[in-house]
Protein backbone atom coordinates (compact mmCIF):
# COMPACT_ATOMS: atom_id res chain seq x y z
CA MET A 1 -11.51 178.51 78.86
CA LEU A 2 -10.67 174.96 77.68
CA GLY A 3 -11.14 174.10 74.00
CA ASP A 4 -13.23 171.22 72.81
CA GLU A 5 -10.32 168.98 72.29
CA THR A 6 -9.03 169.59 75.78
CA VAL A 7 -12.57 168.55 77.10
CA ARG A 8 -12.74 165.53 74.96
CA LEU A 9 -9.23 164.21 76.12
CA PHE A 10 -10.23 165.06 79.76
CA LEU A 11 -13.53 162.79 79.31
CA ALA A 12 -11.72 160.15 77.60
CA GLY A 13 -9.36 159.94 80.43
CA LEU A 14 -12.11 159.70 83.08
CA LEU A 15 -13.82 156.86 81.22
CA MET A 16 -10.50 155.07 81.03
CA MET A 17 -9.92 155.49 84.72
CA GLY A 18 -13.37 154.30 85.38
CA SER A 19 -12.79 150.94 83.30
CA VAL A 20 -9.46 150.49 85.34
CA LEU A 21 -11.12 150.74 88.65
CA ALA A 22 -14.05 148.60 87.59
CA LEU A 23 -11.52 145.91 86.58
CA SER A 24 -9.56 146.35 90.04
CA ALA A 25 -12.74 145.88 92.01
CA GLN A 26 -13.90 142.49 91.42
CA PRO A 27 -17.34 141.83 92.78
CA LEU A 28 -17.53 138.37 94.66
CA GLN A 29 -20.14 135.88 93.71
CA VAL A 30 -20.39 134.58 97.15
CA PRO A 31 -19.92 137.40 99.85
CA ILE A 32 -17.20 137.24 102.77
CA ARG A 33 -18.68 138.62 105.71
CA LYS A 34 -16.22 140.38 108.12
CA ASP A 35 -18.11 140.33 111.38
CA CYS A 36 -15.55 139.08 113.77
CA VAL A 37 -15.98 141.45 117.20
CA GLU A 38 -12.39 141.48 118.60
CA ASP A 39 -12.49 140.85 122.56
CA GLY A 40 -9.02 141.16 123.43
CA GLN A 41 -8.82 137.57 124.15
CA MET A 42 -8.49 135.65 120.79
CA ALA A 43 -7.71 136.58 117.29
CA CYS A 44 -10.67 136.93 114.67
CA TYR A 45 -8.67 136.06 111.91
CA ALA A 46 -5.63 133.67 110.78
CA THR A 47 -2.72 135.10 108.55
CA SER A 48 -1.65 132.56 106.02
CA SER A 49 1.02 131.96 103.49
CA VAL A 50 0.71 130.30 100.18
CA ARG A 51 2.86 127.31 99.91
CA LEU A 52 3.54 124.11 98.17
CA LEU A 53 3.28 125.35 94.68
CA SER A 54 5.62 123.95 92.26
CA GLY A 55 6.44 124.17 88.52
CA ALA A 56 5.78 120.53 88.25
CA GLY A 57 2.34 121.20 89.35
CA SER A 58 0.25 124.31 89.98
CA THR A 59 2.36 127.32 89.73
CA PHE A 60 -0.13 129.74 91.00
CA LEU A 61 -2.88 129.97 93.60
CA ALA A 62 -6.11 131.10 92.15
CA VAL A 63 -8.25 133.49 94.05
CA ARG A 64 -11.75 133.13 92.86
CA THR A 65 -15.21 135.01 93.25
CA GLY A 66 -16.56 132.06 95.00
CA PRO A 67 -15.71 128.95 96.86
CA GLY A 68 -15.25 126.47 93.79
CA ILE A 69 -13.56 125.92 90.61
CA GLU A 70 -16.83 126.97 88.71
CA TYR A 71 -16.04 130.78 90.08
CA GLU A 72 -13.99 133.19 87.95
CA ILE A 73 -10.39 133.67 88.75
CA PHE A 74 -9.34 137.29 89.46
CA VAL A 75 -5.93 137.13 91.24
CA ARG A 76 -3.09 134.95 90.90
CA LEU A 77 -0.86 134.32 94.15
CA ASN A 78 2.50 132.80 94.56
CA ASN A 79 4.63 130.81 96.82
CA GLY A 80 5.21 133.19 99.97
CA ASP A 81 2.35 135.33 99.20
CA VAL A 82 0.35 136.28 102.71
CA VAL A 83 -3.29 136.48 103.13
CA THR A 84 -5.89 136.90 105.94
CA VAL A 85 -8.04 134.06 106.31
CA ILE A 86 -11.84 135.34 107.17
CA THR A 87 -14.33 132.47 106.79
CA SER A 88 -14.30 128.85 105.27
CA GLN A 89 -16.86 126.71 103.37
CA GLY A 90 -15.47 123.47 103.25
CA VAL A 91 -12.23 123.20 101.84
CA TRP A 92 -12.63 126.87 100.45
CA LEU A 93 -11.26 129.67 102.58
CA GLY A 94 -12.57 133.66 102.10
CA VAL A 95 -9.53 135.46 102.46
CA GLU A 96 -8.46 139.15 102.41
CA LEU A 97 -5.44 140.25 100.20
CA ARG A 98 -2.89 142.50 101.15
CA ASP A 99 -4.52 145.36 99.22
CA GLY A 100 -7.74 144.85 100.71
CA ARG A 101 -9.96 142.97 98.28
CA LEU A 102 -11.48 139.77 99.07
CA GLY A 103 -11.62 136.28 97.53
CA TRP A 104 -11.71 132.52 97.68
CA VAL A 105 -8.91 130.14 97.79
CA HIS A 106 -8.37 126.30 98.30
CA GLY A 107 -7.17 126.03 101.68
CA PHE A 108 -4.91 123.05 100.89
CA TRP A 109 -2.36 125.58 99.43
CA LEU A 110 -2.19 127.85 102.80
CA GLU A 111 -0.06 127.44 105.69
CA ASN A 112 -1.15 129.12 108.94
CA LEU A 113 1.38 131.62 110.17
CA ALA A 114 -0.38 133.27 113.35
CA GLY A 115 -3.92 134.19 114.55
């Protein structure tokens, strides 16, 4: 049978894990719809790489919860990082990160690789 201290530590661990999971799953303020139907003729999405970031100016590409600078940054990308472009709103692109999360980036900083 488990003692009170063991149960208390177990429950504290579960609470901490829940906090970590909540932080890693950033909800988007502007959703990105992935509703492309592949027909074998054309790619649905384009793979792009972060480019042109320099130490003199921007040193990272902000991934935001919506298409604009007023939205919260939840990830920072660096030169060479690869994303999949899902959609666009003006100069803002809805992207999927390598870990499956979705977010918005300014399109100027991406170079199309394929797709």
